[in-house]
Every structure is written in structure tokens, then in C-alpha cells.
Amino acid sequence: MIEKLAYIHLTAEPNWALSLSRLETQPTSPLFLFG
């Protein structure tokens, strides 16, 4: 939960869309969203 809260705080439309797109084609970790 603490990781979810930390990563989600910096979630906005661009990295959200990029993460969802990448998730459909290859394994993706929350660090991609956070980066």
C-alpha cells in the first residue's frame, strides 16, 4: 500500500497512458509509472 500511494501521487494523464500502453505489450512495474 505504501508503494501504491507513493507512485500514484505522481500519476497524471501522460505517464498513466504510457504505462497502460506498455502494460499491454510487455511486463511493466510501477517504477515505469513513477519514472
Full PDB file with SEQRES, HELIX, SHEET, SSBOND, CRYST1, ORIGX, SCALE, CONECT and MASTER records, all heavy atoms in Angstrom:
SEQRES   1 A   35  MET ILE GLU LYS LEU ALA TYR ILE HIS LEU THR ALA GLU          
SEQRES   2 A   35  PRO ASN TRP ALA LEU SER LEU SER ARG LEU GLU THR GLN          
SEQRES   3 A   35  PRO THR SER PRO LEU PHE LEU PHE GLY                          
HELIX    1 AA1 ILE A    2  HIS A    9  1                                   8    
HELIX    2 AA2 GLU A   13  LEU A   23  1                                  11    
HELIX    3 AA3 PRO A   30  PHE A   34  1                                   5    
CRYST1    1.000    1.000    1.000  90.00  90.00  90.00 P 1           1          
ORIGX1      1.000000  0.000000  0.000000        0.00000                         
ORIGX2      0.000000  1.000000  0.000000        0.00000                         
ORIGX3      0.000000  0.000000  1.000000        0.00000                         
SCALE1      1.000000  0.000000  0.000000        0.00000                         
SCALE2      0.000000  1.000000  0.000000        0.00000                         
SCALE3      0.000000  0.000000  1.000000        0.00000                         
ATOM      1  N   MET A   1       0.818  -1.208   0.000  1.00  0.00           N  
ATOM      2  CA  MET A   1       0.000   0.000   0.000  1.00  0.00           C  
ATOM      3  C   MET A   1       0.850   1.255   0.000  1.00  0.00           C  
ATOM      4  O   MET A   1       0.547   2.223  -0.699  1.00  0.00           O  
ATOM      5  CB  MET A   1      -0.922   0.001   1.221  1.00  0.00           C  
ATOM      6  CG  MET A   1      -1.823   1.224   1.322  1.00  0.00           C  
ATOM      7  SD  MET A   1      -2.878   1.454  -0.145  1.00  0.00           S  
ATOM      8  CE  MET A   1      -3.960   0.027   0.021  1.00  0.00           C  
ATOM      9  N   ILE A   2       1.944   1.268   0.770  1.00  0.00           N  
ATOM     10  CA  ILE A   2       2.786   2.455   0.839  1.00  0.00           C  
ATOM     11  C   ILE A   2       3.420   2.748  -0.520  1.00  0.00           C  
ATOM     12  O   ILE A   2       3.588   3.906  -0.916  1.00  0.00           O  
ATOM     13  CB  ILE A   2       3.881   2.279   1.922  1.00  0.00           C  
ATOM     14  CG1 ILE A   2       4.647   3.590   2.124  1.00  0.00           C  
ATOM     15  CG2 ILE A   2       4.824   1.136   1.554  1.00  0.00           C  
ATOM     16  CD1 ILE A   2       3.828   4.702   2.689  1.00  0.00           C  
ATOM     17  N   GLU A   3       3.742   1.695  -1.271  1.00  0.00           N  
ATOM     18  CA  GLU A   3       4.301   1.879  -2.609  1.00  0.00           C  
ATOM     19  C   GLU A   3       3.244   2.431  -3.555  1.00  0.00           C  
ATOM     20  O   GLU A   3       3.526   3.318  -4.377  1.00  0.00           O  
ATOM     21  CB  GLU A   3       4.834   0.546  -3.137  1.00  0.00           C  
ATOM     22  CG  GLU A   3       6.029   0.013  -2.378  1.00  0.00           C  
ATOM     23  CD  GLU A   3       6.450  -1.373  -2.835  1.00  0.00           C  
ATOM     24  OE1 GLU A   3       5.555  -2.153  -3.268  1.00  0.00           O  
ATOM     25  OE2 GLU A   3       7.648  -1.672  -2.761  1.00  0.00           O  
ATOM     26  N   LYS A   4       2.026   1.907  -3.460  1.00  0.00           N  
ATOM     27  CA  LYS A   4       0.941   2.403  -4.315  1.00  0.00           C  
ATOM     28  C   LYS A   4       0.710   3.895  -4.094  1.00  0.00           C  
ATOM     29  O   LYS A   4       0.581   4.668  -5.050  1.00  0.00           O  
ATOM     30  CB  LYS A   4      -0.344   1.630  -4.025  1.00  0.00           C  
ATOM     31  CG  LYS A   4      -0.293   0.154  -4.388  1.00  0.00           C  
ATOM     32  CD  LYS A   4      -1.602  -0.515  -4.024  1.00  0.00           C  
ATOM     33  CE  LYS A   4      -1.570  -2.008  -4.339  1.00  0.00           C  
ATOM     34  NZ  LYS A   4      -2.830  -2.685  -3.971  1.00  0.00           N  
ATOM     35  N   LEU A   5       0.663   4.306  -2.829  1.00  0.00           N  
ATOM     36  CA  LEU A   5       0.397   5.708  -2.514  1.00  0.00           C  
ATOM     37  C   LEU A   5       1.515   6.606  -3.029  1.00  0.00           C  
ATOM     38  O   LEU A   5       1.257   7.707  -3.550  1.00  0.00           O  
ATOM     39  CB  LEU A   5       0.239   5.878  -0.999  1.00  0.00           C  
ATOM     40  CG  LEU A   5      -0.988   5.202  -0.377  1.00  0.00           C  
ATOM     41  CD1 LEU A   5      -0.971   5.363   1.138  1.00  0.00           C  
ATOM     42  CD2 LEU A   5      -2.281   5.782  -0.959  1.00  0.00           C  
ATOM     43  N   ALA A   6       2.755   6.148  -2.908  1.00  0.00           N  
ATOM     44  CA  ALA A   6       3.893   6.956  -3.357  1.00  0.00           C  
ATOM     45  C   ALA A   6       3.904   7.115  -4.867  1.00  0.00           C  
ATOM     46  O   ALA A   6       4.098   8.223  -5.392  1.00  0.00           O  
ATOM     47  CB  ALA A   6       5.195   6.309  -2.886  1.00  0.00           C  
ATOM     48  N   TYR A   7       3.675   6.010  -5.586  1.00  0.00           N  
ATOM     49  CA  TYR A   7       3.737   6.066  -7.050  1.00  0.00           C  
ATOM     50  C   TYR A   7       2.532   6.779  -7.646  1.00  0.00           C  
ATOM     51  O   TYR A   7       2.655   7.538  -8.617  1.00  0.00           O  
ATOM     52  CB  TYR A   7       3.837   4.653  -7.621  1.00  0.00           C  
ATOM     53  CG  TYR A   7       5.100   3.915  -7.233  1.00  0.00           C  
ATOM     54  CD1 TYR A   7       5.112   2.538  -7.067  1.00  0.00           C  
ATOM     55  CD2 TYR A   7       6.292   4.605  -7.021  1.00  0.00           C  
ATOM     56  CE1 TYR A   7       6.277   1.858  -6.708  1.00  0.00           C  
ATOM     57  CE2 TYR A   7       7.454   3.938  -6.660  1.00  0.00           C  
ATOM     58  CZ  TYR A   7       7.440   2.572  -6.506  1.00  0.00           C  
ATOM     59  OH  TYR A   7       8.592   1.910  -6.152  1.00  0.00           O  
ATOM     60  N   ILE A   8       1.361   6.546  -7.073  1.00  0.00           N  
ATOM     61  CA  ILE A   8       0.134   7.135  -7.616  1.00  0.00           C  
ATOM     62  C   ILE A   8       0.115   8.652  -7.445  1.00  0.00           C  
ATOM     63  O   ILE A   8      -0.502   9.365  -8.238  1.00  0.00           O  
ATOM     64  CB  ILE A   8      -1.098   6.474  -6.967  1.00  0.00           C  
ATOM     65  CG1 ILE A   8      -1.313   5.085  -7.571  1.00  0.00           C  
ATOM     66  CG2 ILE A   8      -2.341   7.322  -7.141  1.00  0.00           C  
ATOM     67  CD1 ILE A   8      -2.439   4.305  -6.938  1.00  0.00           C  
ATOM     68  N   HIS A   9       0.806   9.153  -6.420  1.00  0.00           N  
ATOM     69  CA  HIS A   9       0.814  10.606  -6.199  1.00  0.00           C  
ATOM     70  C   HIS A   9       1.341  11.352  -7.416  1.00  0.00           C  
ATOM     71  O   HIS A   9       0.902  12.472  -7.707  1.00  0.00           O  
ATOM     72  CB  HIS A   9       1.658  10.942  -4.971  1.00  0.00           C  
ATOM     73  CG  HIS A   9       1.771  12.416  -4.719  1.00  0.00           C  
ATOM     74  ND1 HIS A   9       0.672  13.202  -4.405  1.00  0.00           N  
ATOM     75  CD2 HIS A   9       2.837  13.270  -4.774  1.00  0.00           C  
ATOM     76  CE1 HIS A   9       1.049  14.461  -4.258  1.00  0.00           C  
ATOM     77  NE2 HIS A   9       2.361  14.532  -4.484  1.00  0.00           N  
ATOM     78  N   LEU A  10       2.269  10.771  -8.143  1.00  0.00           N  
ATOM     79  CA  LEU A  10       2.836  11.419  -9.319  1.00  0.00           C  
ATOM     80  C   LEU A  10       2.223  10.888 -10.614  1.00  0.00           C  
ATOM     81  O   LEU A  10       2.855  10.901 -11.661  1.00  0.00           O  
ATOM     82  CB  LEU A  10       4.356  11.233  -9.347  1.00  0.00           C  
ATOM     83  CG  LEU A  10       5.144  11.930  -8.240  1.00  0.00           C  
ATOM     84  CD1 LEU A  10       6.646  11.727  -8.426  1.00  0.00           C  
ATOM     85  CD2 LEU A  10       4.816  13.415  -8.178  1.00  0.00           C  
ATOM     86  N   THR A  11       0.982  10.438 -10.529  1.00  0.00           N  
ATOM     87  CA  THR A  11       0.279   9.948 -11.714  1.00  0.00           C  
ATOM     88  C   THR A  11      -0.522  11.068 -12.362  1.00  0.00           C  
ATOM     89  O   THR A  11      -1.268  11.783 -11.698  1.00  0.00           O  
ATOM     90  CB  THR A  11      -0.669   8.791 -11.346  1.00  0.00           C  
ATOM     91  OG1 THR A  11       0.080   7.698 -10.829  1.00  0.00           O  
ATOM     92  CG2 THR A  11      -1.449   8.328 -12.567  1.00  0.00           C  
ATOM     93  N   ALA A  12      -0.341  11.240 -13.653  1.00  0.00           N  
ATOM     94  CA  ALA A  12      -1.128  12.187 -14.445  1.00  0.00           C  
ATOM     95  C   ALA A  12      -1.378  11.540 -15.802  1.00  0.00           C  
ATOM     96  O   ALA A  12      -0.903  10.431 -16.072  1.00  0.00           O  
ATOM     97  CB  ALA A  12      -0.408  13.518 -14.581  1.00  0.00           C  
ATOM     98  N   GLU A  13      -2.114  12.228 -16.649  1.00  0.00           N  
ATOM     99  CA  GLU A  13      -2.524  11.627 -17.911  1.00  0.00           C  
ATOM    100  C   GLU A  13      -1.370  11.061 -18.751  1.00  0.00           C  
ATOM    101  O   GLU A  13      -1.481   9.943 -19.263  1.00  0.00           O  
ATOM    102  CB  GLU A  13      -3.329  12.642 -18.742  1.00  0.00           C  
ATOM    103  CG  GLU A  13      -4.753  12.864 -18.291  1.00  0.00           C  
ATOM    104  CD  GLU A  13      -4.861  13.863 -17.145  1.00  0.00           C  
ATOM    105  OE1 GLU A  13      -3.803  14.307 -16.633  1.00  0.00           O  
ATOM    106  OE2 GLU A  13      -5.986  14.209 -16.749  1.00  0.00           O  
ATOM    107  N   PRO A  14      -0.250  11.772 -18.912  1.00  0.00           N  
ATOM    108  CA  PRO A  14       0.813  11.238 -19.780  1.00  0.00           C  
ATOM    109  C   PRO A  14       1.417   9.924 -19.299  1.00  0.00           C  
ATOM    110  O   PRO A  14       1.454   8.941 -20.056  1.00  0.00           O  
ATOM    111  CB  PRO A  14       1.856  12.367 -19.765  1.00  0.00           C  
ATOM    112  CG  PRO A  14       1.075  13.595 -19.482  1.00  0.00           C  
ATOM    113  CD  PRO A  14       0.024  13.164 -18.518  1.00  0.00           C  
ATOM    114  N   ASN A  15       1.908   9.870 -18.053  1.00  0.00           N  
ATOM    115  CA  ASN A  15       2.535   8.621 -17.604  1.00  0.00           C  
ATOM    116  C   ASN A  15       1.510   7.524 -17.352  1.00  0.00           C  
ATOM    117  O   ASN A  15       1.819   6.336 -17.452  1.00  0.00           O  
ATOM    118  CB  ASN A  15       3.419   8.849 -16.366  1.00  0.00           C  
ATOM    119  CG  ASN A  15       2.648   9.305 -15.142  1.00  0.00           C  
ATOM    120  OD1 ASN A  15       1.590   9.928 -15.254  1.00  0.00           O  
ATOM    121  ND2 ASN A  15       3.192   9.023 -13.969  1.00  0.00           N  
ATOM    122  N   TRP A  16       0.267   7.901 -17.075  1.00  0.00           N  
ATOM    123  CA  TRP A  16      -0.810   6.915 -16.938  1.00  0.00           C  
ATOM    124  C   TRP A  16      -1.051   6.218 -18.276  1.00  0.00           C  
ATOM    125  O   TRP A  16      -1.090   4.982 -18.352  1.00  0.00           O  
ATOM    126  CB  TRP A  16      -2.076   7.621 -16.463  1.00  0.00           C  
ATOM    127  CG  TRP A  16      -3.319   6.786 -16.484  1.00  0.00           C  
ATOM    128  CD1 TRP A  16      -3.704   5.840 -15.577  1.00  0.00           C  
ATOM    129  CD2 TRP A  16      -4.362   6.844 -17.468  1.00  0.00           C  
ATOM    130  NE1 TRP A  16      -4.922   5.296 -15.928  1.00  0.00           N  
ATOM    131  CE2 TRP A  16      -5.342   5.893 -17.085  1.00  0.00           C  
ATOM    132  CE3 TRP A  16      -4.567   7.595 -18.629  1.00  0.00           C  
ATOM    133  CZ2 TRP A  16      -6.504   5.691 -17.833  1.00  0.00           C  
ATOM    134  CZ3 TRP A  16      -5.720   7.393 -19.358  1.00  0.00           C  
ATOM    135  CH2 TRP A  16      -6.676   6.450 -18.958  1.00  0.00           C  
ATOM    136  N   ALA A  17      -1.187   7.015 -19.344  1.00  0.00           N  
ATOM    137  CA  ALA A  17      -1.449   6.442 -20.665  1.00  0.00           C  
ATOM    138  C   ALA A  17      -0.259   5.626 -21.156  1.00  0.00           C  
ATOM    139  O   ALA A  17      -0.423   4.533 -21.715  1.00  0.00           O  
ATOM    140  CB  ALA A  17      -1.770   7.563 -21.660  1.00  0.00           C  
ATOM    141  N   LEU A  18       0.950   6.128 -20.944  1.00  0.00           N  
ATOM    142  CA  LEU A  18       2.146   5.402 -21.376  1.00  0.00           C  
ATOM    143  C   LEU A  18       2.289   4.076 -20.630  1.00  0.00           C  
ATOM    144  O   LEU A  18       2.678   3.057 -21.218  1.00  0.00           O  
ATOM    145  CB  LEU A  18       3.391   6.261 -21.148  1.00  0.00           C  
ATOM    146  CG  LEU A  18       3.558   7.476 -22.079  1.00  0.00           C  
ATOM    147  CD1 LEU A  18       4.696   8.366 -21.586  1.00  0.00           C  
ATOM    148  CD2 LEU A  18       3.806   7.032 -23.506  1.00  0.00           C  
ATOM    149  N   SER A  19       1.956   4.068 -19.342  1.00  0.00           N  
ATOM    150  CA  SER A  19       2.071   2.841 -18.550  1.00  0.00           C  
ATOM    151  C   SER A  19       1.054   1.802 -18.985  1.00  0.00           C  
ATOM    152  O   SER A  19       1.376   0.614 -19.105  1.00  0.00           O  
ATOM    153  CB  SER A  19       1.893   3.161 -17.058  1.00  0.00           C  
ATOM    154  OG  SER A  19       2.917   4.011 -16.596  1.00  0.00           O  
ATOM    155  N   LEU A  20      -0.181   2.231 -19.237  1.00  0.00           N  
ATOM    156  CA  LEU A  20      -1.206   1.299 -19.698  1.00  0.00           C  
ATOM    157  C   LEU A  20      -0.845   0.710 -21.052  1.00  0.00           C  
ATOM    158  O   LEU A  20      -1.032  -0.488 -21.299  1.00  0.00           O  
ATOM    159  CB  LEU A  20      -2.566   2.002 -19.780  1.00  0.00           C  
ATOM    160  CG  LEU A  20      -3.287   2.277 -18.463  1.00  0.00           C  
ATOM    161  CD1 LEU A  20      -4.637   2.935 -18.741  1.00  0.00           C  
ATOM    162  CD2 LEU A  20      -3.505   0.987 -17.672  1.00  0.00           C  
ATOM    163  N   SER A  21      -0.333   1.545 -21.939  1.00  0.00           N  
ATOM    164  CA  SER A  21       0.055   1.074 -23.275  1.00  0.00           C  
ATOM    165  C   SER A  21       1.188   0.064 -23.182  1.00  0.00           C  
ATOM    166  O   SER A  21       1.164  -0.986 -23.848  1.00  0.00           O  
ATOM    167  CB  SER A  21       0.480   2.268 -24.133  1.00  0.00           C  
ATOM    168  OG  SER A  21       0.895   1.854 -25.414  1.00  0.00           O  
ATOM    169  N   ARG A  22       2.180   0.324 -22.361  1.00  0.00           N  
ATOM    170  CA  ARG A  22       3.312  -0.581 -22.208  1.00  0.00           C  
ATOM    171  C   ARG A  22       2.887  -1.882 -21.533  1.00  0.00           C  
ATOM    172  O   ARG A  22       3.371  -2.958 -21.884  1.00  0.00           O  
ATOM    173  CB  ARG A  22       4.402   0.109 -21.388  1.00  0.00           C  
ATOM    174  CG  ARG A  22       5.665  -0.724 -21.137  1.00  0.00           C  
ATOM    175  CD  ARG A  22       6.614   0.050 -20.239  1.00  0.00           C  
ATOM    176  NE  ARG A  22       7.757  -0.730 -19.803  1.00  0.00           N  
ATOM    177  CZ  ARG A  22       8.944  -0.729 -20.390  1.00  0.00           C  
ATOM    178  NH1 ARG A  22       9.146   0.017 -21.460  1.00  0.00           N  
ATOM    179  NH2 ARG A  22       9.939  -1.460 -19.914  1.00  0.00           N  
ATOM    180  N   LEU A  23       1.956  -1.782 -20.591  1.00  0.00           N  
ATOM    181  CA  LEU A  23       1.494  -2.948 -19.849  1.00  0.00           C  
ATOM    182  C   LEU A  23       0.837  -3.980 -20.756  1.00  0.00           C  
ATOM    183  O   LEU A  23       0.845  -5.180 -20.474  1.00  0.00           O  
ATOM    184  CB  LEU A  23       0.514  -2.508 -18.757  1.00  0.00           C  
ATOM    185  CG  LEU A  23       0.084  -3.535 -17.719  1.00  0.00           C  
ATOM    186  CD1 LEU A  23       1.293  -4.036 -16.921  1.00  0.00           C  
ATOM    187  CD2 LEU A  23      -0.944  -2.934 -16.772  1.00  0.00           C  
ATOM    188  N   GLU A  24       0.251  -3.515 -21.865  1.00  0.00           N  
ATOM    189  CA  GLU A  24      -0.425  -4.421 -22.785  1.00  0.00           C  
ATOM    190  C   GLU A  24       0.540  -5.196 -23.673  1.00  0.00           C  
ATOM    191  O   GLU A  24       0.152  -6.191 -24.289  1.00  0.00           O  
ATOM    192  CB  GLU A  24      -1.401  -3.638 -23.660  1.00  0.00           C  
ATOM    193  CG  GLU A  24      -2.588  -3.070 -22.882  1.00  0.00           C  
ATOM    194  CD  GLU A  24      -3.582  -2.395 -23.794  1.00  0.00           C  
ATOM    195  OE1 GLU A  24      -3.317  -2.347 -25.017  1.00  0.00           O  
ATOM    196  OE2 GLU A  24      -4.621  -1.928 -23.300  1.00  0.00           O  
ATOM    197  N   THR A  25       1.779  -4.756 -23.752  1.00  0.00           N  
ATOM    198  CA  THR A  25       2.725  -5.397 -24.664  1.00  0.00           C  
ATOM    199  C   THR A  25       3.897  -6.090 -23.978  1.00  0.00           C  
ATOM    200  O   THR A  25       4.535  -6.950 -24.568  1.00  0.00           O  
ATOM    201  CB  THR A  25       3.299  -4.366 -25.659  1.00  0.00           C  
ATOM    202  OG1 THR A  25       3.965  -3.328 -24.927  1.00  0.00           O  
ATOM    203  CG2 THR A  25       2.181  -3.756 -26.490  1.00  0.00           C  
ATOM    204  N   GLN A  26       4.158  -5.722 -22.704  1.00  0.00           N  
ATOM    205  CA  GLN A  26       5.289  -6.322 -22.001  1.00  0.00           C  
ATOM    206  C   GLN A  26       5.129  -6.162 -20.497  1.00  0.00           C  
ATOM    207  O   GLN A  26       4.378  -5.279 -20.044  1.00  0.00           O  
ATOM    208  CB  GLN A  26       6.603  -5.679 -22.449  1.00  0.00           C  
ATOM    209  CG  GLN A  26       6.675  -4.176 -22.214  1.00  0.00           C  
ATOM    210  CD  GLN A  26       7.941  -3.577 -22.772  1.00  0.00           C  
ATOM    211  OE1 GLN A  26       9.028  -3.841 -22.301  1.00  0.00           O  
ATOM    212  NE2 GLN A  26       7.788  -2.752 -23.824  1.00  0.00           N  
ATOM    213  N   PRO A  27       5.827  -6.983 -19.699  1.00  0.00           N  
ATOM    214  CA  PRO A  27       5.767  -6.830 -18.242  1.00  0.00           C  
ATOM    215  C   PRO A  27       6.236  -5.437 -17.834  1.00  0.00           C  
ATOM    216  O   PRO A  27       7.246  -4.942 -18.329  1.00  0.00           O  
ATOM    217  CB  PRO A  27       6.732  -7.912 -17.738  1.00  0.00           C  
ATOM    218  CG  PRO A  27       6.790  -8.915 -18.837  1.00  0.00           C  
ATOM    219  CD  PRO A  27       6.661  -8.129 -20.112  1.00  0.00           C  
ATOM    220  N   THR A  28       5.478  -4.822 -16.952  1.00  0.00           N  
ATOM    221  CA  THR A  28       5.768  -3.453 -16.535  1.00  0.00           C  
ATOM    222  C   THR A  28       5.629  -3.332 -15.028  1.00  0.00           C  
ATOM    223  O   THR A  28       4.686  -3.878 -14.448  1.00  0.00           O  
ATOM    224  CB  THR A  28       4.811  -2.454 -17.221  1.00  0.00           C  
ATOM    225  OG1 THR A  28       4.888  -2.627 -18.646  1.00  0.00           O  
ATOM    226  CG2 THR A  28       5.172  -1.025 -16.876  1.00  0.00           C  
ATOM    227  N   SER A  29       6.543  -2.625 -14.400  1.00  0.00           N  
ATOM    228  CA  SER A  29       6.483  -2.423 -12.957  1.00  0.00           C  
ATOM    229  C   SER A  29       6.032  -1.002 -12.652  1.00  0.00           C  
ATOM    230  O   SER A  29       6.082  -0.118 -13.523  1.00  0.00           O  
ATOM    231  CB  SER A  29       7.859  -2.684 -12.328  1.00  0.00           C  
ATOM    232  OG  SER A  29       8.689  -1.553 -12.464  1.00  0.00           O  
ATOM    233  N   PRO A  30       5.605  -0.741 -11.418  1.00  0.00           N  
ATOM    234  CA  PRO A  30       5.202   0.616 -11.040  1.00  0.00           C  
ATOM    235  C   PRO A  30       6.320   1.643 -11.187  1.00  0.00           C  
ATOM    236  O   PRO A  30       6.052   2.841 -11.260  1.00  0.00           O  
ATOM    237  CB  PRO A  30       4.799   0.461  -9.568  1.00  0.00           C  
ATOM    238  CG  PRO A  30       4.428  -0.972  -9.412  1.00  0.00           C  
ATOM    239  CD  PRO A  30       5.351  -1.711 -10.333  1.00  0.00           C  
ATOM    240  N   LEU A  31       7.576   1.176 -11.248  1.00  0.00           N  
ATOM    241  CA  LEU A  31       8.684   2.106 -11.404  1.00  0.00           C  
ATOM    242  C   LEU A  31       8.636   2.836 -12.743  1.00  0.00           C  
ATOM    243  O   LEU A  31       9.122   3.961 -12.869  1.00  0.00           O  
ATOM    244  CB  LEU A  31      10.018   1.365 -11.264  1.00  0.00           C  
ATOM    245  CG  LEU A  31      10.409   0.948  -9.843  1.00  0.00           C  
ATOM    246  CD1 LEU A  31      11.678   0.114  -9.867  1.00  0.00           C  
ATOM    247  CD2 LEU A  31      10.591   2.179  -8.962  1.00  0.00           C  
ATOM    248  N   PHE A  32       8.054   2.208 -13.760  1.00  0.00           N  
ATOM    249  CA  PHE A  32       7.894   2.868 -15.052  1.00  0.00           C  
ATOM    250  C   PHE A  32       6.960   4.065 -14.895  1.00  0.00           C  
ATOM    251  O   PHE A  32       7.245   5.168 -15.386  1.00  0.00           O  
ATOM    252  CB  PHE A  32       7.337   1.891 -16.082  1.00  0.00           C  
ATOM    253  CG  PHE A  32       7.189   2.469 -17.460  1.00  0.00           C  
ATOM    254  CD1 PHE A  32       8.247   2.455 -18.351  1.00  0.00           C  
ATOM    255  CD2 PHE A  32       5.989   3.040 -17.869  1.00  0.00           C  
ATOM    256  CE1 PHE A  32       8.119   2.994 -19.627  1.00  0.00           C  
ATOM    257  CE2 PHE A  32       5.844   3.584 -19.139  1.00  0.00           C  
ATOM    258  CZ  PHE A  32       6.911   3.561 -20.018  1.00  0.00           C  
ATOM    259  N   LEU A  33       5.847   3.856 -14.206  1.00  0.00           N  
ATOM    260  CA  LEU A  33       4.894   4.936 -13.927  1.00  0.00           C  
ATOM    261  C   LEU A  33       5.568   6.030 -13.110  1.00  0.00           C  
ATOM    262  O   LEU A  33       5.415   7.221 -13.395  1.00  0.00           O  
ATOM    263  CB  LEU A  33       3.693   4.376 -13.172  1.00  0.00           C  
ATOM    264  CG  LEU A  33       2.644   5.378 -12.698  1.00  0.00           C  
ATOM    265  CD1 LEU A  33       1.771   5.826 -13.862  1.00  0.00           C  
ATOM    266  CD2 LEU A  33       1.762   4.756 -11.610  1.00  0.00           C  
ATOM    267  N   PHE A  34       6.326   5.623 -12.099  1.00  0.00           N  
ATOM    268  CA  PHE A  34       6.984   6.574 -11.206  1.00  0.00           C  
ATOM    269  C   PHE A  34       8.050   7.383 -11.939  1.00  0.00           C  
ATOM    270  O   PHE A  34       8.185   8.593 -11.720  1.00  0.00           O  
ATOM    271  CB  PHE A  34       7.597   5.818 -10.025  1.00  0.00           C  
ATOM    272  CG  PHE A  34       8.134   6.717  -8.946  1.00  0.00           C  
ATOM    273  CD1 PHE A  34       7.313   7.622  -8.299  1.00  0.00           C  
ATOM    274  CD2 PHE A  34       9.468   6.645  -8.574  1.00  0.00           C  
ATOM    275  CE1 PHE A  34       7.810   8.453  -7.298  1.00  0.00           C  
ATOM    276  CE2 PHE A  34       9.976   7.467  -7.579  1.00  0.00           C  
ATOM    277  CZ  PHE A  34       9.142   8.374  -6.939  1.00  0.00           C  
ATOM    278  N   GLY A  35       8.808   6.721 -12.810  1.00  0.00           N  
ATOM    279  CA  GLY A  35       9.817   7.434 -13.591  1.00  0.00           C  
ATOM    280  C   GLY A  35       9.200   8.512 -14.460  1.00  0.00           C  
ATOM    281  O   GLY A  35       9.717   9.633 -14.553  1.00  0.00           O  
TER     282      GLY A  35                                                      
MASTER        0    0    0    3    0    0    0    6  281    1    0    3          
END                                                                             
